[in-house]
Amino acid sequence: MLQNKIYYNFIVEITKTFAVILFGLSIIALTVRAVNFLDLVVENGYPLSTYFKYSFLNFIGIVPKFIPFSFLIALTMFIIKHLQNNEFLILWTAGVKKIQIVNVFFLSSVLIFLLYLFFSTFLTPFSLNKSRYLLNQEEYNSILPTLKIQEFNDTFKGLIFFVENKKNNQLQNVFLQDKGNHFKNLSSNIEKNTTTNIIAQTGLIENKKIILLNGQIISSNKNLDDEIIKFDQLNINLNNINTHTIKGTKIQETSTLKLISCLIEKNLTSPNCGAKNEIISSLNRRLVLPFYIPAISLIVSLLLINAKKFYLNRNLIFIYSFTLLIFTELMVRYTGINNYIFYIFLLSPVLLLISIYFILFNKFTNETI
């Protein structure tokens, strides 16, 4: 009964340390990425509410990337701490077998494995898909943030803006080029490949509407026939103009069941399926990579061995585990390209689990303390 309580406390302590490390690493990564997400507001004119929702949904997508590394650090810290404080020695003296503690570490890794599997197969694709859906549904609320002084701006498809000066919502010396036939109604030229240039002395921004004063419209076609129309005031509505923000669903945003059905039905031409090699790599990352976490727990358990071998040095054992994480990250990208790499990646966690557990069981059976 007492032993079970000790084992339970061990798992709780490892899990708490893991959660703190995971949250810290994820927040740091989100902070870095959130700077890039500001382009949604600055470059594409989305409201701040969209920015915060999009950042939160992407935070859920960031979390699983750090789960294996966070568990490695948490378990390593736990073992080293208890070894230095001689807390494990009390257990060995009380008759607790080292292999039992290894089983506790393995059990904690299984819990982390299930957490990773839940994130990678369901929660992360769902949240990333929601973030893409958010960009599809939400529209920019003003073009004003996208306009930068004395810089050409191509935020909107087929349009190029240039303003010499901007104060609040007032513009000076505005240049607007339309290559997407958005303003074809401003010219009598009905050709599809007409380029429309609009020049104005001043302008005014009102949300998705731009009011230009004292300027001219220059329309030209492939025959170099120019049409010039002068105006005192020109109101341009940009409600139907789209930004360059990618709105199509990517593979990492596609549900796991959808990707599996793409492979089974071999319907790779349907939307959200993509290339076969990309699907295989994505599925391996979601379904196979989590199995390396229990293998990491057994590698770190080598710290419990008393042998003074140089290859069982604490630093080297951590390097073994960290190298395994790097191996998985590098290999999973190529599992859809090369069959040999695919089978190596698939079988490695099983072979590692069997071989390392056998070594630990053998070692601790013959070891007294």
Protein backbone atom coordinates (compact mmCIF):
# COMPACT_ATOMS: atom_id res chain seq x y z
CA MET A 1 0.00 0.00 0.00
CA LEU A 2 2.80 2.38 0.96
CA GLN A 3 4.74 1.46 -2.14
CA ASN A 4 1.74 2.23 -4.34
CA LYS A 5 1.42 5.65 -2.72
CA ILE A 6 5.13 6.31 -3.36
CA TYR A 7 4.77 5.26 -6.99
CA TYR A 8 1.72 7.49 -7.35
CA ASN A 9 3.64 10.46 -5.90
CA PHE A 10 6.50 9.78 -8.32
CA ILE A 11 4.13 9.86 -11.31
CA VAL A 12 2.46 13.04 -10.05
CA GLU A 13 5.82 14.77 -9.52
CA ILE A 14 7.07 13.78 -12.98
CA THR A 15 3.80 14.90 -14.56
CA LYS A 16 3.82 18.27 -12.79
CA THR A 17 7.41 18.98 -13.81
CA PHE A 18 6.58 17.89 -17.35
CA ALA A 19 3.54 20.20 -17.48
CA VAL A 20 5.53 23.23 -16.27
CA ILE A 21 8.35 22.64 -18.78
CA LEU A 22 5.91 21.99 -21.63
CA PHE A 23 3.92 25.15 -20.89
CA GLY A 24 7.08 27.26 -20.62
CA LEU A 25 8.59 26.01 -23.88
CA SER A 26 5.26 26.37 -25.71
CA ILE A 27 4.78 29.95 -24.47
CA ILE A 28 8.29 30.89 -25.63
CA ALA A 29 7.63 29.38 -29.06
CA LEU A 30 4.23 31.09 -29.28
CA THR A 31 5.79 34.45 -28.37
CA VAL A 32 8.23 34.11 -31.26
CA ARG A 33 5.52 33.05 -33.71
CA ALA A 34 3.04 35.64 -32.46
CA VAL A 35 5.36 38.33 -33.78
CA ASN A 36 4.89 36.88 -37.26
CA PHE A 37 1.14 36.61 -36.68
CA LEU A 38 1.06 40.39 -36.28
CA ASP A 39 1.24 40.52 -40.08
CA LEU A 40 -2.43 39.54 -40.02
CA VAL A 41 -3.15 42.95 -38.50
CA VAL A 42 -0.38 45.05 -40.01
CA GLU A 43 -0.17 43.56 -43.49
CA ASN A 44 -3.64 42.10 -44.01
CA GLY A 45 -5.86 44.40 -41.98
CA TYR A 46 -7.51 41.77 -39.76
CA PRO A 47 -8.92 42.95 -36.40
CA LEU A 48 -6.98 42.34 -33.19
CA SER A 49 -9.65 39.89 -32.00
CA THR A 50 -8.84 37.64 -34.96
CA TYR A 51 -5.13 37.89 -34.14
CA PHE A 52 -5.64 36.71 -30.55
CA LYS A 53 -8.01 33.88 -31.55
CA TYR A 54 -5.61 32.75 -34.27
CA SER A 55 -2.65 32.85 -31.84
CA PHE A 56 -4.51 30.79 -29.23
CA LEU A 57 -5.51 28.13 -31.76
CA ASN A 58 -1.93 27.93 -32.99
CA PHE A 59 -0.71 27.58 -29.40
CA ILE A 60 -2.55 24.25 -29.27
CA GLY A 61 -0.73 23.32 -32.47
CA ILE A 62 2.64 24.19 -30.93
CA VAL A 63 2.23 22.17 -27.72
CA PRO A 64 2.78 18.62 -29.12
CA LYS A 65 6.08 19.64 -30.74
CA PHE A 66 7.60 19.99 -27.26
CA ILE A 67 5.98 17.00 -25.52
CA PRO A 68 8.83 14.47 -26.07
CA PHE A 69 11.57 16.96 -25.14
CA SER A 70 9.66 18.19 -22.08
CA PHE A 71 9.19 14.63 -20.86
CA LEU A 72 12.88 13.89 -21.39
CA ILE A 73 13.90 16.89 -19.28
CA ALA A 74 11.27 16.20 -16.58
CA LEU A 75 12.21 12.53 -16.15
CA THR A 76 15.96 13.26 -16.24
CA MET A 77 15.58 15.99 -13.60
CA PHE A 78 13.46 13.70 -11.42
CA ILE A 79 15.93 10.80 -11.47
CA ILE A 80 19.05 12.94 -10.94
CA LYS A 81 17.38 14.85 -8.10
CA HIS A 82 16.44 11.65 -6.25
CA LEU A 83 19.83 10.08 -6.88
CA GLN A 84 21.65 13.11 -5.49
CA ASN A 85 19.40 13.20 -2.42
CA ASN A 86 19.85 9.43 -1.90
CA GLU A 87 16.07 9.05 -1.85
CA PHE A 88 16.22 6.03 -4.14
CA LEU A 89 18.74 4.39 -1.80
CA ILE A 90 16.07 4.28 0.91
CA LEU A 91 13.79 2.40 -1.47
CA TRP A 92 16.51 -0.09 -2.45
CA THR A 93 17.26 -0.71 1.22
CA ALA A 94 13.55 -1.25 1.91
CA GLY A 95 13.54 -4.01 -0.69
CA VAL A 96 12.04 -2.13 -3.64
CA LYS A 97 13.41 -3.49 -6.91
CA LYS A 98 14.89 -1.06 -9.40
CA ILE A 99 12.90 -2.68 -12.18
CA GLN A 100 9.74 -1.67 -10.29
CA ILE A 101 10.83 1.97 -10.45
CA VAL A 102 11.58 1.52 -14.15
CA ASN A 103 8.02 0.26 -14.53
CA VAL A 104 6.79 3.42 -12.79
CA PHE A 105 8.76 5.56 -15.26
CA PHE A 106 7.38 3.49 -18.10
CA LEU A 107 3.83 3.97 -16.80
CA SER A 108 4.33 7.75 -16.63
CA SER A 109 5.61 7.65 -20.23
CA VAL A 110 2.47 5.80 -21.28
CA LEU A 111 0.35 8.62 -19.83
CA ILE A 112 2.42 11.19 -21.76
CA PHE A 113 2.17 8.95 -24.82
CA LEU A 114 -1.64 9.01 -24.61
CA LEU A 115 -1.59 12.78 -24.16
CA TYR A 116 0.65 13.18 -27.22
CA LEU A 117 -1.58 10.83 -29.23
CA PHE A 118 -4.68 12.85 -28.28
CA PHE A 119 -3.02 16.10 -29.36
CA SER A 120 -1.42 14.80 -32.55
CA THR A 121 -4.37 12.81 -33.90
CA PHE A 122 -7.28 15.00 -32.88
CA LEU A 123 -6.78 18.25 -30.98
CA THR A 124 -3.93 19.80 -33.01
CA PRO A 125 -5.43 19.17 -36.50
CA PHE A 126 -8.79 20.38 -35.19
CA SER A 127 -7.40 23.61 -33.71
CA LEU A 128 -5.25 24.37 -36.78
CA ASN A 129 -8.23 23.72 -39.03
CA LYS A 130 -10.27 26.11 -36.88
CA SER A 131 -7.56 28.76 -37.20
CA ARG A 132 -7.67 28.45 -41.00
CA TYR A 133 -11.48 28.56 -40.92
CA LEU A 134 -11.22 31.72 -38.81
CA LEU A 135 -9.19 33.46 -41.53
CA ASN A 136 -11.69 32.32 -44.15
CA GLN A 137 -14.66 33.67 -42.22
CA GLU A 138 -13.16 36.80 -40.74
CA GLU A 139 -12.43 39.64 -43.12
CA TYR A 140 -10.07 42.55 -42.83
CA ASN A 141 -11.82 45.52 -41.24
CA SER A 142 -9.72 48.32 -42.75
CA ILE A 143 -7.02 48.81 -45.36
CA LEU A 144 -5.46 51.61 -43.31
CA PRO A 145 -3.03 49.41 -41.28
CA THR A 146 -1.75 47.81 -44.50
CA LEU A 147 -0.65 51.11 -46.06
CA LYS A 148 2.91 52.10 -45.23
CA ILE A 149 4.47 55.43 -46.08
CA GLN A 150 6.60 55.45 -49.24
CA GLU A 151 6.39 51.69 -49.68
CA PHE A 152 4.68 49.67 -52.37
CA ASN A 153 2.04 47.44 -50.83
CA ASP A 154 0.64 44.31 -52.53
CA THR A 155 -1.43 42.94 -49.65
CA PHE A 156 -4.49 42.64 -51.87
CA LYS A 157 -4.61 40.34 -54.89
CA GLY A 158 -4.14 42.23 -58.14
CA LEU A 159 -3.66 45.60 -56.41
CA ILE A 160 -0.60 47.68 -55.61
CA PHE A 161 -0.82 50.71 -53.30
CA PHE A 162 1.67 53.51 -52.74
CA VAL A 163 1.20 56.58 -50.54
CA GLU A 164 3.76 59.31 -50.02
CA ASN A 165 2.40 60.40 -46.67
CA LYS A 166 -0.25 59.23 -44.19
CA LYS A 167 -1.71 61.00 -41.18
CA ASN A 168 -4.47 59.24 -39.30
CA ASN A 169 -6.83 58.19 -42.11
CA GLN A 170 -5.73 60.95 -44.52
CA LEU A 171 -3.43 60.19 -47.45
CA GLN A 172 -1.27 62.32 -49.71
CA ASN A 173 -0.06 61.54 -53.24
CA VAL A 174 -1.73 58.18 -53.72
CA PHE A 175 -0.89 55.69 -56.45
CA LEU A 176 -3.05 52.63 -57.07
CA GLN A 177 -2.45 50.01 -59.75
CA ASP A 178 -5.08 47.42 -60.61
CA LYS A 179 -4.03 44.34 -62.58
CA GLY A 180 -6.92 42.17 -61.43
CA ASN A 181 -9.70 44.05 -63.25
CA HIS A 182 -11.28 45.02 -59.94
CA PHE A 183 -12.01 48.53 -61.27
CA LYS A 184 -12.86 47.70 -64.89
CA ASN A 185 -16.13 49.65 -64.52
CA LEU A 186 -14.06 52.84 -64.19
CA SER A 187 -12.97 52.57 -67.81
CA SER A 188 -14.67 52.13 -71.17
CA ASN A 189 -11.97 49.59 -72.08
CA ILE A 190 -13.56 46.15 -71.71
CA GLU A 191 -10.47 44.01 -72.38
CA LYS A 192 -9.65 41.51 -69.62
CA ASN A 193 -5.94 42.27 -69.50
CA THR A 194 -6.40 45.97 -68.96
CA THR A 195 -4.17 47.65 -66.37
CA THR A 196 -5.73 50.54 -64.46
CA ASN A 197 -3.54 53.11 -62.72
CA ILE A 198 -5.14 55.65 -60.40
CA ILE A 199 -3.25 58.73 -59.22
CA ALA A 200 -4.64 61.20 -56.69
CA GLN A 201 -3.31 64.17 -54.75
CA THR A 202 -5.14 63.28 -51.53
CA GLY A 203 -7.24 60.48 -50.17
CA LEU A 204 -9.33 59.42 -47.20
CA ILE A 205 -9.75 55.94 -45.70
CA GLU A 206 -13.05 54.83 -44.20
CA ASN A 207 -12.78 51.16 -43.19
CA LYS A 208 -12.95 49.26 -46.52
CA LYS A 209 -13.63 52.37 -48.57
CA ILE A 210 -11.11 54.78 -50.03
CA ILE A 211 -12.07 58.27 -51.22
CA LEU A 212 -9.61 59.83 -53.66
CA LEU A 213 -9.57 63.54 -54.54
CA ASN A 214 -8.12 65.44 -57.51
CA GLY A 215 -6.62 62.75 -59.65
CA GLN A 216 -6.86 60.75 -62.82
CA ILE A 217 -7.52 57.21 -64.01
CA ILE A 218 -5.15 55.83 -66.64
CA SER A 219 -6.28 52.61 -68.34
CA SER A 220 -4.02 50.77 -70.79
CA ASN A 221 -4.29 47.49 -72.66
CA LYS A 222 -1.89 45.21 -74.54
CA ASN A 223 -2.13 47.47 -77.58
CA LEU A 224 -0.74 50.31 -75.44
CA ASP A 225 -3.91 52.34 -75.99
CA ASP A 226 -4.23 54.63 -72.99
CA GLU A 227 -7.43 56.19 -71.73
CA ILE A 228 -7.14 59.03 -69.24
CA ILE A 229 -10.07 60.14 -67.12
CA LYS A 230 -9.71 63.02 -64.67
CA PHE A 231 -11.81 63.20 -61.51
CA ASP A 232 -12.44 65.52 -58.58
CA GLN A 233 -13.62 62.75 -56.28
CA LEU A 234 -13.54 58.99 -56.69
CA ASN A 235 -15.07 56.55 -54.21
CA ILE A 236 -13.64 53.03 -54.33
CA ASN A 237 -15.23 50.19 -52.40
CA LEU A 238 -12.82 47.37 -51.46
CA ASN A 239 -15.37 45.00 -49.90
CA ASN A 240 -14.83 42.30 -52.50
CA ILE A 241 -11.04 42.50 -52.58
CA ASN A 242 -9.17 39.50 -51.15
CA THR A 243 -5.84 39.51 -49.36
CA HIS A 244 -2.92 37.18 -50.07
CA THR A 245 -3.51 35.30 -46.82
CA ILE A 246 -3.44 31.54 -47.50
CA LYS A 247 -6.96 30.26 -46.91
CA GLY A 248 -6.65 26.74 -48.26
CA THR A 249 -6.42 23.89 -45.74
CA LYS A 250 -2.92 22.44 -45.32
CA ILE A 251 -2.11 18.80 -44.53
CA GLN A 252 -1.30 19.52 -40.87
CA GLU A 253 -4.75 21.11 -40.59
CA THR A 254 -6.54 18.10 -42.07
CA SER A 255 -8.13 15.54 -39.76
CA THR A 256 -6.37 12.22 -39.24
CA LEU A 257 -9.37 10.22 -40.45
CA LYS A 258 -9.46 12.27 -43.63
CA LEU A 259 -5.78 11.58 -44.32
CA ILE A 260 -6.25 7.86 -43.68
CA SER A 261 -9.22 7.77 -46.03
CA CYS A 262 -7.14 9.55 -48.67
CA LEU A 263 -4.62 6.70 -48.56
CA ILE A 264 -7.16 3.89 -48.37
CA GLU A 265 -9.31 5.23 -51.19
CA LYS A 266 -6.24 6.46 -53.11
CA ASN A 267 -8.20 9.63 -53.78
CA LEU A 268 -5.19 11.93 -53.68
CA THR A 269 -6.70 14.45 -56.08
CA SER A 270 -9.50 15.49 -53.72
CA PRO A 271 -9.15 18.69 -51.67
CA ASN A 272 -7.04 18.45 -48.48
CA CYS A 273 -5.41 15.18 -49.56
CA GLY A 274 -2.25 16.40 -51.25
CA ALA A 275 0.74 14.26 -52.19
CA LYS A 276 1.00 10.68 -50.92
CA ASN A 277 4.47 11.17 -49.42
CA GLU A 278 3.27 14.19 -47.43
CA ILE A 279 0.28 12.25 -46.10
CA ILE A 280 2.46 9.33 -44.99
CA SER A 281 4.91 11.67 -43.25
CA SER A 282 2.08 13.49 -41.49
CA LEU A 283 0.43 10.25 -40.33
CA ASN A 284 3.76 8.90 -39.06
CA ARG A 285 4.26 12.09 -37.08
CA ARG A 286 0.82 11.77 -35.54
CA LEU A 287 0.54 8.01 -34.98
CA VAL A 288 4.06 6.54 -34.82
CA LEU A 289 6.24 9.27 -33.30
CA PRO A 290 4.39 9.13 -29.91
CA PHE A 291 5.65 5.55 -29.45
CA TYR A 292 9.18 6.89 -29.05
CA ILE A 293 8.22 8.46 -25.70
CA PRO A 294 8.15 5.12 -23.79
CA ALA A 295 11.51 4.30 -25.41
CA ILE A 296 12.89 7.57 -24.03
CA SER A 297 11.72 6.63 -20.53
CA LEU A 298 13.72 3.38 -20.70
CA ILE A 299 16.84 5.11 -22.02
CA VAL A 300 16.72 7.64 -19.17
CA SER A 301 16.20 4.75 -16.73
CA LEU A 302 19.78 3.73 -17.51
CA LEU A 303 20.70 6.41 -14.96
CA LEU A 304 19.72 3.94 -12.23
CA ILE A 305 22.56 1.58 -13.16
CA ASN A 306 25.46 1.77 -10.71
CA ALA A 307 28.13 0.63 -13.16
CA LYS A 308 30.90 3.19 -13.66
CA LYS A 309 31.11 2.73 -17.41
CA PHE A 310 31.91 5.82 -19.46
CA TYR A 311 29.01 5.09 -21.82
CA LEU A 312 26.63 5.16 -18.82
CA ASN A 313 27.66 8.68 -17.87
CA ARG A 314 24.71 10.92 -17.02
CA ASN A 315 25.53 13.40 -19.73
CA LEU A 316 25.87 10.66 -22.34
CA ILE A 317 22.55 9.08 -21.36
CA PHE A 318 20.85 12.43 -21.86
CA ILE A 319 22.64 12.78 -25.21
CA TYR A 320 21.38 9.32 -26.23
CA SER A 321 17.79 10.39 -25.57
CA PHE A 322 18.21 13.79 -27.19
CA THR A 323 19.81 12.19 -30.25
CA LEU A 324 16.82 9.87 -30.50
CA LEU A 325 14.50 12.90 -30.58
CA ILE A 326 16.57 14.50 -33.33
CA PHE A 327 16.56 11.16 -35.18
CA THR A 328 12.77 11.00 -35.08
CA GLU A 329 12.36 14.59 -36.29
CA LEU A 330 14.73 14.05 -39.21
CA MET A 331 13.48 10.60 -40.18
CA VAL A 332 9.75 11.32 -40.05
CA ARG A 333 10.08 13.87 -42.85
CA TYR A 334 11.46 11.26 -45.22
CA THR A 335 9.22 8.32 -44.31
CA GLY A 336 6.92 9.17 -47.19
CA ILE A 337 9.77 9.26 -49.70
CA ASN A 338 11.87 6.18 -48.89
CA ASN A 339 10.45 2.77 -47.91
CA TYR A 340 13.59 1.77 -45.99
CA ILE A 341 13.37 4.90 -43.86
CA PHE A 342 9.65 4.24 -43.35
CA TYR A 343 10.22 0.72 -41.97
CA ILE A 344 13.20 1.82 -39.85
CA PHE A 345 11.08 4.60 -38.33
CA LEU A 346 8.18 2.20 -37.79
CA LEU A 347 10.16 -0.60 -36.14
CA SER A 348 12.70 1.44 -34.15
CA PRO A 349 10.49 2.20 -31.11
CA VAL A 350 9.50 -1.49 -30.78
CA LEU A 351 13.09 -2.69 -31.04
CA LEU A 352 14.28 -0.05 -28.59
CA LEU A 353 11.59 -0.93 -26.06
CA ILE A 354 12.35 -4.65 -26.17
CA SER A 355 16.14 -4.39 -26.18
CA ILE A 356 16.52 -1.68 -23.51
CA TYR A 357 13.94 -3.23 -21.18
CA PHE A 358 15.73 -6.56 -21.53
CA ILE A 359 19.05 -4.89 -20.60
CA LEU A 360 17.50 -3.15 -17.59
CA PHE A 361 15.68 -6.27 -16.41
CA ASN A 362 18.84 -8.36 -16.75
CA LYS A 363 21.00 -5.76 -15.00
CA PHE A 364 18.69 -5.09 -12.07
CA THR A 365 17.95 -8.77 -11.48
CA ASN A 366 21.64 -9.39 -10.79
CA GLU A 367 22.23 -6.12 -8.94
CA THR A 368 21.94 -6.10 -5.18
CA ILE A 369 21.63 -2.32 -4.61
